[in-house]
Protein backbone atom coordinates (compact mmCIF):
# COMPACT_ATOMS: atom_id res chain seq x y z
CA UNK A 1 -0.14 0.11 0.09
CA UNK A 2 1.53 3.12 -1.19
CA UNK A 3 0.81 6.77 -1.39
CA UNK A 4 -1.84 8.47 0.76
CA UNK A 5 -4.63 6.22 -0.09
CA UNK A 6 -6.22 4.54 2.92
CA UNK A 7 -7.86 1.00 3.16
CA UNK A 8 -11.21 1.50 2.94
CA UNK A 9 -12.42 -1.70 4.53
CA UNK A 10 -16.00 -3.02 3.89
CA UNK A 11 -15.68 -4.94 7.51
CA UNK A 12 -15.85 -3.49 10.78
CA UNK A 13 -12.05 -3.38 12.16
CA UNK A 14 -14.00 -5.30 15.23
CA UNK A 15 -14.78 -8.34 13.32
CA UNK A 16 -12.21 -11.67 13.27
CA UNK A 17 -8.69 -11.06 12.30
CA UNK A 18 -9.27 -13.44 9.41
CA UNK A 19 -11.09 -10.98 7.86
CA UNK A 20 -8.55 -8.03 8.39
CA UNK A 21 -6.12 -10.19 7.10
CA UNK A 22 -7.83 -11.02 4.08
CA UNK A 23 -8.44 -7.28 3.38
CA UNK A 24 -4.54 -6.69 3.78
CA UNK A 25 -3.79 -9.37 1.08
CA UNK A 26 -6.04 -7.86 -1.18
CA UNK A 27 -4.57 -4.23 -0.78
CA UNK A 28 -0.88 -5.15 -0.36
CA UNK A 29 1.65 -4.74 -2.92
CA UNK A 30 3.85 -7.78 -3.73
CA UNK A 31 7.67 -6.90 -2.82
CA UNK A 32 9.36 -10.11 -3.49
CA UNK A 33 8.73 -13.95 -4.15
CA UNK A 34 10.28 -17.21 -3.77
CA UNK A 35 9.57 -21.13 -3.88
CA UNK A 36 7.42 -20.90 -0.31
CA UNK A 37 5.25 -17.91 -1.00
CA UNK A 38 5.25 -13.83 -1.25
CA UNK A 39 6.28 -10.94 0.67
CA UNK A 40 3.55 -7.91 0.61
CA UNK A 41 4.28 -4.16 1.72
CA UNK A 42 1.89 -2.94 3.91
CA UNK A 43 1.50 0.79 4.97
CA UNK A 44 0.55 0.05 9.04
CA UNK A 45 0.15 4.24 8.95
CA UNK A 46 -2.80 4.03 6.55
CA UNK A 47 -4.95 1.32 8.53
CA UNK A 48 -7.64 2.39 10.86
CA UNK A 49 -6.36 2.31 14.42
CA UNK A 50 -8.50 -0.75 15.36
CA UNK A 51 -6.72 -2.67 12.81
CA UNK A 52 -3.46 -1.30 13.80
CA UNK A 53 -3.98 -2.58 17.29
CA UNK A 54 -5.17 -6.04 16.18
CA UNK A 55 -2.09 -6.31 14.24
CA UNK A 56 0.59 -4.92 16.31
CA UNK A 57 -0.93 -5.67 19.74
CA UNK A 58 0.95 -3.74 22.33
CA UNK A 59 3.79 -3.20 19.82
CA UNK A 60 4.29 0.46 18.55
CA UNK A 61 7.76 0.20 16.91
CA UNK A 62 6.93 -0.76 13.55
CA UNK A 63 9.61 0.48 11.07
CA UNK A 64 8.71 4.16 9.59
CA UNK A 65 4.99 2.40 9.54
CA UNK A 66 5.71 -0.08 7.21
CA UNK A 67 5.17 -3.67 7.66
CA UNK A 68 5.71 -6.97 5.46
CA UNK A 69 3.18 -9.59 5.30
CA UNK A 70 4.67 -12.99 4.57
CA UNK A 71 2.08 -15.31 3.09
CA UNK A 72 2.79 -18.88 2.40
CA UNK A 73 1.48 -22.40 1.46
CA UNK A 74 0.11 -24.47 4.31
CA UNK A 75 1.40 -27.93 3.62
CA UNK A 76 1.51 -28.97 7.57
CA UNK A 77 -0.48 -27.31 10.36
CA UNK A 78 1.51 -25.19 12.58
CA UNK A 79 4.12 -24.21 9.88
CA UNK A 80 3.65 -20.76 10.10
CA UNK A 81 3.56 -20.84 13.83
CA UNK A 82 6.92 -22.56 14.04
CA UNK A 83 8.52 -19.91 11.83
CA UNK A 84 7.00 -17.37 13.70
CA UNK A 85 8.24 -18.83 17.47
CA UNK A 86 11.70 -19.14 15.84
CA UNK A 87 11.77 -15.78 14.08
CA UNK A 88 10.75 -13.98 17.70
CA UNK A 89 13.38 -16.20 19.36
CA UNK A 90 16.24 -14.94 17.14
CA UNK A 91 14.80 -11.63 17.49
CA UNK A 92 14.96 -11.04 20.98
CA UNK A 93 18.30 -12.83 21.45
CA UNK A 94 20.11 -10.25 19.50
CA UNK A 95 17.80 -6.88 20.76
CA UNK A 96 19.07 -8.33 24.19
CA UNK A 97 22.96 -7.61 22.87
CA UNK A 98 24.78 -4.76 24.49
CA UNK A 99 25.82 -3.87 21.00
CA UNK A 100 23.58 -4.68 18.39
CA UNK A 101 25.43 -2.88 16.00
CA UNK A 102 27.73 -6.22 15.57
CA UNK A 103 24.88 -8.17 14.74
CA UNK A 104 22.63 -8.74 11.90
CA UNK A 105 19.07 -7.83 12.38
CA UNK A 106 16.05 -10.04 12.32
CA UNK A 107 12.85 -8.38 11.40
CA UNK A 108 10.41 -8.31 14.60
CA UNK A 109 7.46 -10.62 13.90
CA UNK A 110 4.03 -9.16 15.21
CA UNK A 111 1.18 -11.62 14.60
CA UNK A 112 0.65 -14.73 12.56
CA UNK A 113 -2.15 -17.15 11.64
CA UNK A 114 -3.15 -19.96 9.41
CA UNK A 115 -6.51 -18.30 7.74
CA UNK A 116 -8.94 -19.95 5.56
CA UNK A 117 -9.65 -17.56 2.37
CA UNK A 118 -13.18 -16.85 1.65
CA UNK A 119 -12.69 -14.29 -0.86
CA UNK A 120 -12.59 -15.68 -4.62
CA UNK A 121 -11.11 -12.66 -5.82
CA UNK A 122 -8.32 -13.30 -3.31
CA UNK A 123 -7.69 -16.63 -4.25
CA UNK A 124 -7.49 -15.71 -7.53
CA UNK A 125 -4.98 -13.16 -6.90
CA UNK A 126 -3.03 -15.44 -4.88
CA UNK A 127 -2.53 -17.91 -7.63
CA UNK A 128 -1.66 -15.49 -9.66
CA UNK A 129 1.05 -14.38 -7.53
CA UNK A 130 2.10 -18.00 -7.18
CA UNK A 131 0.44 -19.25 -3.85
CA UNK A 132 -1.56 -21.83 -4.14
CA UNK A 133 -3.46 -21.98 -1.29
CA UNK A 134 -3.52 -25.84 0.19
CA UNK A 135 -7.55 -26.37 1.26
CA UNK A 136 -8.46 -22.65 0.80
CA UNK A 137 -5.66 -21.98 3.59
CA UNK A 138 -2.71 -20.14 3.71
CA UNK A 139 -0.42 -18.94 6.48
CA UNK A 140 0.11 -15.32 7.27
CA UNK A 141 2.62 -13.19 9.16
CA UNK A 142 3.31 -9.71 9.87
CA UNK A 143 6.60 -8.44 10.43
CA UNK A 144 8.97 -5.18 10.14
CA UNK A 145 9.43 -4.06 6.35
CA UNK A 146 13.18 -4.50 5.54
CA UNK A 147 13.91 -1.70 2.65
CA UNK A 148 16.28 -3.64 0.45
CA UNK A 149 17.58 -6.64 -1.85
CA UNK A 150 18.48 -10.27 -0.93
CA UNK A 151 22.12 -10.97 -1.63
CA UNK A 152 21.22 -12.97 -4.39
CA UNK A 153 19.57 -10.20 -6.36
CA UNK A 154 22.60 -8.18 -5.28
CA UNK A 155 25.34 -10.37 -6.76
CA UNK A 156 23.14 -10.56 -10.09
CA UNK A 157 22.47 -7.09 -10.43
CA UNK A 158 26.27 -6.42 -10.09
CA UNK A 159 26.80 -8.82 -12.95
CA UNK A 160 24.24 -6.89 -15.00
CA UNK A 161 26.17 -3.70 -14.54
CA UNK A 162 29.38 -5.15 -16.02
CA UNK A 163 28.28 -7.84 -18.74
CA UNK A 164 27.48 -6.19 -21.90
CA UNK A 165 25.46 -9.14 -23.08
CA UNK A 166 22.71 -7.87 -20.65
CA UNK A 167 23.03 -4.30 -21.22
CA UNK A 168 19.22 -4.23 -22.04
CA UNK A 169 18.50 -4.90 -18.51
CA UNK A 170 20.81 -2.72 -17.31
CA UNK A 171 18.81 -0.04 -19.47
CA UNK A 172 15.89 -1.23 -18.09
CA UNK A 173 17.00 -1.02 -14.41
CA UNK A 174 18.53 2.32 -14.96
CA UNK A 175 14.98 3.49 -16.10
CA UNK A 176 13.53 2.03 -12.97
CA UNK A 177 11.75 -0.90 -14.26
CA UNK A 178 10.86 -3.07 -11.41
CA UNK A 179 12.10 -6.54 -12.66
CA UNK A 180 11.18 -9.88 -10.95
CA UNK A 181 13.57 -12.03 -8.88
CA UNK A 182 12.87 -14.71 -11.43
CA UNK A 183 13.36 -12.19 -14.51
CA UNK A 184 16.58 -11.20 -13.38
CA UNK A 185 18.07 -14.89 -12.25
CA UNK A 186 17.19 -16.28 -15.33
CA UNK A 187 18.79 -13.96 -17.85
CA UNK A 188 22.10 -13.65 -15.68
CA UNK A 189 22.43 -17.70 -15.50
CA UNK A 190 21.96 -17.88 -19.22
CA UNK A 191 24.33 -15.16 -19.95
CA UNK A 192 27.04 -17.07 -17.30
CA UNK A 193 26.28 -20.38 -19.33
CA UNK A 194 24.39 -22.30 -16.48
CA UNK A 195 23.46 -25.58 -17.07
CA UNK A 196 20.22 -27.65 -15.91
CA UNK A 197 20.34 -31.41 -15.58
CA UNK A 198 18.35 -33.54 -17.55
CA UNK A 199 14.68 -33.72 -16.62
CA UNK A 200 14.92 -37.43 -15.18
CA UNK A 201 18.75 -37.16 -13.46
CA UNK A 202 19.03 -37.96 -10.29
CA UNK A 203 20.09 -36.56 -7.09
CA UNK A 204 23.81 -36.98 -7.85
CA UNK A 205 23.57 -35.43 -11.35
CA UNK A 206 21.70 -32.43 -9.85
CA UNK A 207 24.54 -31.96 -7.01
CA UNK A 208 27.22 -31.86 -10.08
CA UNK A 209 25.39 -29.48 -12.02
CA UNK A 210 24.74 -27.04 -8.90
CA UNK A 211 28.27 -27.54 -8.20
CA UNK A 212 29.56 -26.51 -11.43
CA UNK A 213 27.04 -23.52 -11.74
CA UNK A 214 28.18 -22.26 -8.35
CA UNK A 215 31.54 -22.15 -9.74
CA UNK A 216 30.59 -19.95 -12.91
CA UNK A 217 28.60 -17.53 -10.57
CA UNK A 218 31.96 -17.20 -8.67
CA UNK A 219 34.12 -16.70 -11.80
CA UNK A 220 31.89 -14.04 -13.05
CA UNK A 221 31.68 -12.02 -9.80
CA UNK A 222 35.76 -12.36 -9.46
CA UNK A 223 35.76 -11.14 -13.49
CA UNK A 224 33.67 -8.16 -12.37
CA UNK A 225 35.23 -6.97 -9.22
CA UNK A 226 32.59 -7.86 -6.95
CA UNK A 227 33.45 -6.69 -3.19
CA UNK A 228 31.47 -7.46 -0.04
CA UNK A 229 32.37 -5.40 3.08
CA UNK A 230 34.20 -7.13 5.85
CA UNK A 231 31.80 -5.74 8.01
CA UNK A 232 28.90 -7.16 6.51
CA UNK A 233 30.28 -10.94 7.10
CA UNK A 234 31.57 -10.13 10.28
CA UNK A 235 27.92 -9.09 11.29
CA UNK A 236 27.02 -12.46 9.76
CA UNK A 237 29.39 -14.60 11.38
CA UNK A 238 28.50 -12.89 15.11
CA UNK A 239 24.76 -13.55 14.48
CA UNK A 240 25.24 -16.99 13.44
CA UNK A 241 27.47 -17.85 16.56
CA UNK A 242 25.30 -15.99 18.92
CA UNK A 243 22.27 -18.17 17.62
CA UNK A 244 24.06 -21.27 17.61
CA UNK A 245 25.02 -20.62 21.23
CA UNK A 246 21.49 -20.21 22.06
CA UNK A 247 20.45 -23.47 20.27
CA UNK A 248 18.88 -21.86 17.44
CA UNK A 249 20.30 -23.28 13.95
CA UNK A 250 18.60 -21.56 10.92
CA UNK A 251 19.24 -24.66 8.76
CA UNK A 252 18.44 -22.41 5.35
CA UNK A 253 20.95 -19.93 5.09
CA UNK A 254 21.47 -19.18 1.40
CA UNK A 255 21.71 -16.05 -0.54
CA UNK A 256 17.84 -15.39 -0.90
CA UNK A 257 17.61 -15.33 3.32
CA UNK A 258 20.34 -12.63 3.60
CA UNK A 259 18.68 -9.02 2.86
CA UNK A 260 20.99 -6.05 2.47
CA UNK A 261 19.45 -2.78 3.58
CA UNK A 262 20.82 -0.27 1.26
CA UNK A 263 20.84 3.62 1.63
CA UNK A 264 19.43 6.05 -1.44
CA UNK A 265 22.80 5.67 -3.09
CA UNK A 266 22.97 1.75 -3.01
CA UNK A 267 25.16 1.41 -0.43
CA UNK A 268 25.07 -1.52 1.92
CA UNK A 269 24.26 -0.07 5.46
CA UNK A 270 22.87 -3.15 7.32
CA UNK A 271 21.95 -6.69 6.94
CA UNK A 272 19.01 -8.91 7.92
CA UNK A 273 18.38 -12.70 8.26
CA UNK A 274 14.93 -13.73 7.34
CA UNK A 275 13.12 -16.96 6.67
CA UNK A 276 13.13 -19.04 9.92
CA UNK A 277 10.79 -21.93 8.68
CA UNK A 278 13.22 -24.33 8.82
CA UNK A 279 15.00 -23.12 12.07
CA UNK A 280 15.64 -25.83 14.88
CA UNK A 281 17.59 -26.08 18.25
CA UNK A 282 19.85 -28.14 16.38
CA UNK A 283 21.85 -28.47 13.18
CA UNK A 284 20.01 -30.32 10.41
CA UNK A 285 22.54 -30.43 7.56
CA UNK A 286 20.48 -32.96 6.04
CA UNK A 287 17.97 -30.43 4.95
CA UNK A 288 20.00 -27.47 3.62
CA UNK A 289 23.62 -27.50 4.56
CA UNK A 290 25.53 -25.41 7.48
CA UNK A 291 24.58 -22.09 8.24
CA UNK A 292 28.26 -21.13 7.58
CA UNK A 293 28.64 -22.09 4.09
CA UNK A 294 27.15 -19.19 2.53
CA UNK A 295 29.98 -16.92 4.64
CA UNK A 296 32.75 -19.40 3.23
CA UNK A 297 31.73 -18.58 -0.40
CA UNK A 298 32.28 -15.01 0.23
CA UNK A 299 35.06 -14.09 2.29
CA UNK A 300 37.37 -14.27 -0.97
CA UNK A 301 35.31 -11.19 -1.89
CA UNK A 302 36.07 -8.57 1.18
CA UNK A 303 39.64 -7.85 0.12
CA UNK A 304 40.49 -6.38 -3.31
CA UNK A 305 44.32 -6.84 -3.14
CA UNK A 306 43.76 -10.58 -2.13
CA UNK A 307 41.23 -10.95 -5.25
CA UNK A 308 43.60 -9.17 -7.83
CA UNK A 309 46.36 -11.60 -6.57
CA UNK A 310 44.60 -14.76 -6.75
CA UNK A 311 46.51 -16.70 -9.35
CA UNK A 312 44.48 -18.88 -11.92
CA UNK A 313 45.95 -21.94 -10.45
CA UNK A 314 44.58 -21.11 -6.89
CA UNK A 315 41.18 -20.74 -8.56
CA UNK A 316 41.63 -24.18 -10.25
CA UNK A 317 42.44 -25.52 -6.82
CA UNK A 318 39.62 -24.12 -5.04
CA UNK A 319 37.14 -25.42 -7.74
CA UNK A 320 38.52 -28.86 -6.84
CA UNK A 321 38.15 -28.14 -2.92
CA UNK A 322 34.49 -26.69 -3.42
CA UNK A 323 33.38 -29.97 -5.08
CA UNK A 324 34.92 -32.37 -2.49
CA UNK A 325 33.26 -30.22 0.06
CA UNK A 326 29.76 -30.27 -1.62
CA UNK A 327 29.86 -34.11 -1.28
CA UNK A 328 31.09 -34.18 2.02
CA UNK A 329 28.93 -31.58 3.43
CA UNK A 330 25.90 -32.61 0.86
CA UNK A 331 22.13 -32.03 1.88
CA UNK A 332 21.68 -35.77 1.47
CA UNK A 333 22.66 -38.35 4.31
CA UNK A 334 22.94 -41.01 1.92
CA UNK A 335 25.82 -38.71 0.38
CA UNK A 336 27.41 -37.71 3.17
CA UNK A 337 27.94 -41.61 4.39
CA UNK A 338 28.82 -42.84 1.17
CA UNK A 339 31.59 -39.75 1.00
CA UNK A 340 32.70 -41.23 5.01
CA UNK A 341 32.83 -44.53 3.85
CA UNK A 342 35.24 -43.38 0.85
CA UNK A 343 37.55 -41.42 3.38
CA UNK A 344 37.55 -44.61 5.32
CA UNK A 345 38.48 -47.04 2.84
CA UNK A 346 41.28 -44.59 1.69
CA UNK A 347 42.72 -44.41 5.45
CA UNK A 348 42.76 -48.19 5.45
CA UNK A 349 44.67 -48.26 1.94
CA UNK A 350 47.12 -45.77 3.20
CA UNK A 351 48.33 -47.94 6.14
CA UNK A 352 48.30 -50.94 3.92
CA UNK A 353 51.87 -52.52 4.01
CA UNK A 354 51.65 -53.98 0.18
CA UNK A 355 53.36 -53.75 -2.96
CA UNK A 356 49.81 -53.38 -4.66
CA UNK A 357 48.98 -50.20 -2.25
CA UNK A 358 49.15 -47.85 -5.39
CA UNK A 359 47.01 -49.95 -7.68
CA UNK A 360 44.34 -50.61 -4.84
CA UNK A 361 44.17 -46.88 -3.76
CA UNK A 362 43.91 -45.76 -7.62
CA UNK A 363 41.04 -48.48 -8.01
CA UNK A 364 39.16 -47.17 -4.87
CA UNK A 365 39.30 -43.21 -6.13
CA UNK A 366 38.71 -44.13 -9.75
CA UNK A 367 35.45 -46.27 -8.83
CA UNK A 368 34.08 -43.72 -6.03
CA UNK A 369 34.54 -40.68 -7.72
CA UNK A 370 33.09 -42.13 -11.24
CA UNK A 371 30.19 -43.55 -9.18
CA UNK A 372 29.56 -40.27 -7.49
CA UNK A 373 29.87 -38.14 -10.30
CA UNK A 374 28.73 -39.87 -13.41
CA UNK A 375 30.71 -37.75 -15.58
CA UNK A 376 34.01 -36.37 -16.57
CA UNK A 377 34.08 -34.30 -13.48
CA UNK A 378 35.26 -37.65 -11.83
CA UNK A 379 38.82 -36.08 -12.06
CA UNK A 380 38.29 -33.29 -10.40
CA UNK A 381 36.87 -34.59 -7.56
CA UNK A 382 39.70 -37.21 -7.66
CA UNK A 383 42.30 -34.75 -7.88
CA UNK A 384 41.14 -33.19 -4.62
CA UNK A 385 41.72 -36.43 -3.02
CA UNK A 386 45.20 -37.05 -4.08
CA UNK A 387 46.13 -33.46 -3.17
CA UNK A 388 44.81 -34.48 0.39
CA UNK A 389 47.22 -37.70 0.28
CA UNK A 390 49.92 -35.69 -1.11
CA UNK A 391 49.52 -33.34 2.03
CA UNK A 392 48.97 -36.10 4.30
CA UNK A 393 52.41 -38.12 2.88
CA UNK A 394 54.44 -34.84 3.48
CA UNK A 395 53.37 -34.29 6.95
CA UNK A 396 54.11 -38.00 7.84
CA UNK A 397 57.41 -37.74 6.36
CA UNK A 398 58.14 -34.68 8.31
CA UNK A 399 57.14 -35.98 11.47
CA UNK A 400 59.40 -39.00 10.89
CA UNK A 401 62.42 -36.87 10.35
CA UNK A 402 63.03 -38.69 7.24
CA UNK A 403 65.99 -37.18 5.07
CA UNK A 404 66.00 -39.57 2.08
CA UNK A 405 63.70 -38.57 -1.02
CA UNK A 406 60.52 -40.29 -0.52
CA UNK A 407 59.15 -41.63 -3.89
CA UNK A 408 55.63 -39.04 -4.45
CA UNK A 409 52.66 -41.39 -3.86
CA UNK A 410 50.49 -38.83 -5.26
CA UNK A 411 52.32 -38.63 -8.40
CA UNK A 412 52.19 -42.38 -8.79
CA UNK A 413 48.42 -42.49 -8.25
CA UNK A 414 48.48 -39.71 -11.04
CA UNK A 415 50.39 -42.16 -13.17
CA UNK A 416 47.70 -44.70 -12.84
CA UNK A 417 44.59 -42.78 -13.06
CA UNK A 418 45.61 -40.64 -16.34
CA UNK A 419 45.28 -44.23 -17.93
CA UNK A 420 41.75 -45.02 -16.51
CA UNK A 421 39.38 -43.14 -18.81
CA UNK A 422 40.85 -41.22 -21.84
CA UNK A 423 39.40 -37.94 -23.14
CA UNK A 424 41.02 -34.51 -23.63
CA UNK A 425 39.91 -33.30 -20.55
CA UNK A 426 40.77 -35.77 -18.35
CA UNK A 427 44.53 -36.16 -19.99
CA UNK A 428 44.77 -32.21 -19.68
CA UNK A 429 43.52 -32.17 -15.97
CA UNK A 430 46.15 -34.92 -14.95
CA UNK A 431 48.59 -33.00 -16.62
CA UNK A 432 48.12 -29.85 -14.92
CA UNK A 433 48.02 -31.76 -11.64
CA UNK A 434 51.00 -33.19 -12.36
CA UNK A 435 52.49 -30.00 -12.93
CA UNK A 436 51.01 -28.72 -9.61
CA UNK A 437 52.68 -31.54 -7.57
CA UNK A 438 55.91 -30.79 -9.14
CA UNK A 439 55.73 -27.21 -7.91
CA UNK A 440 54.95 -28.59 -4.18
């Protein structure tokens, strides 16, 4: 609701809150959307006094008279109640800190309710917005409105400003045209060459595509000199630690759930955490990964000098490490279990006193990594394992104070693996890894 137009309800403010919420939905302006629902902007100061009291209760600290209404599909009873409860807990913990400026903020949640939508025009409007009511029921939560954009949108807009293939989007944004997140995301991902797995692809294939696409995004951001202020990451890290110390794990902390508050010039002045629907009293990496994963991705973007000095070899090594970590920290318990089993077998073979140890190690690495990736990407995953083995062997040699030259186990493994599956990509990869091992 914008401008000076007031809500002109047909119903009395004294009627049940379900009717009030329906009218708010009809009058609200959609500002964001996601897989789970939408965000509407409400102007609380334009509401009749009786309605304000029902929405805010005894609270009177709505930011600048603006509220956001989060509307989600309801699949399980109590879903919106759980999210509101966890969001209030997180908000209150941060509000209790002596120096709140050291932490990311969490929007204050005022009221929440599951409602049955009776108005056919509202059901139609919700469907247009992408919210299909389940049994005509939706979850509704009123909270502080955050003027800004999520981190994913911020990243994509940075690429739009620098990539000539997206100059039409840059022009449209310059004219003040409002673009949806899906519009921005889809165009940028096409420009960067994002690939989608086949329709019938399994979880492993989807995982490989996701890892490759994330690497493409990181390369594009480095190419276009993206920079994120260190104090923003510090706030996020402080907040994650504080919430964990108080047994609150977000469990869905990705770029869309980090909101950057911007000033009039577009500079980041603060940061918020949103969407606590998966938050629990314990970490649940089987659902969405660790809360700190998103911080790890952007640490290299906080210092421009370090980014300029980062060599192509370092980027190449980092891409291997990322692929390995995405398997080790997978959302899938089955995949994490497979990876732990793989690491266990490698450790056993490293301790084996046998002339066949190198062949057995190479067999294990090839079979496991190829089974996990089902593509030429097996060699990147295998390369990460070989580098770990090389590092471990060097540490063991130092600890034994051995002065004699030790034949490189890692290079022996490369010699064995290079003949496993021949293609220009795999051959060039192993040649490059061999040179890396020489350099070490």
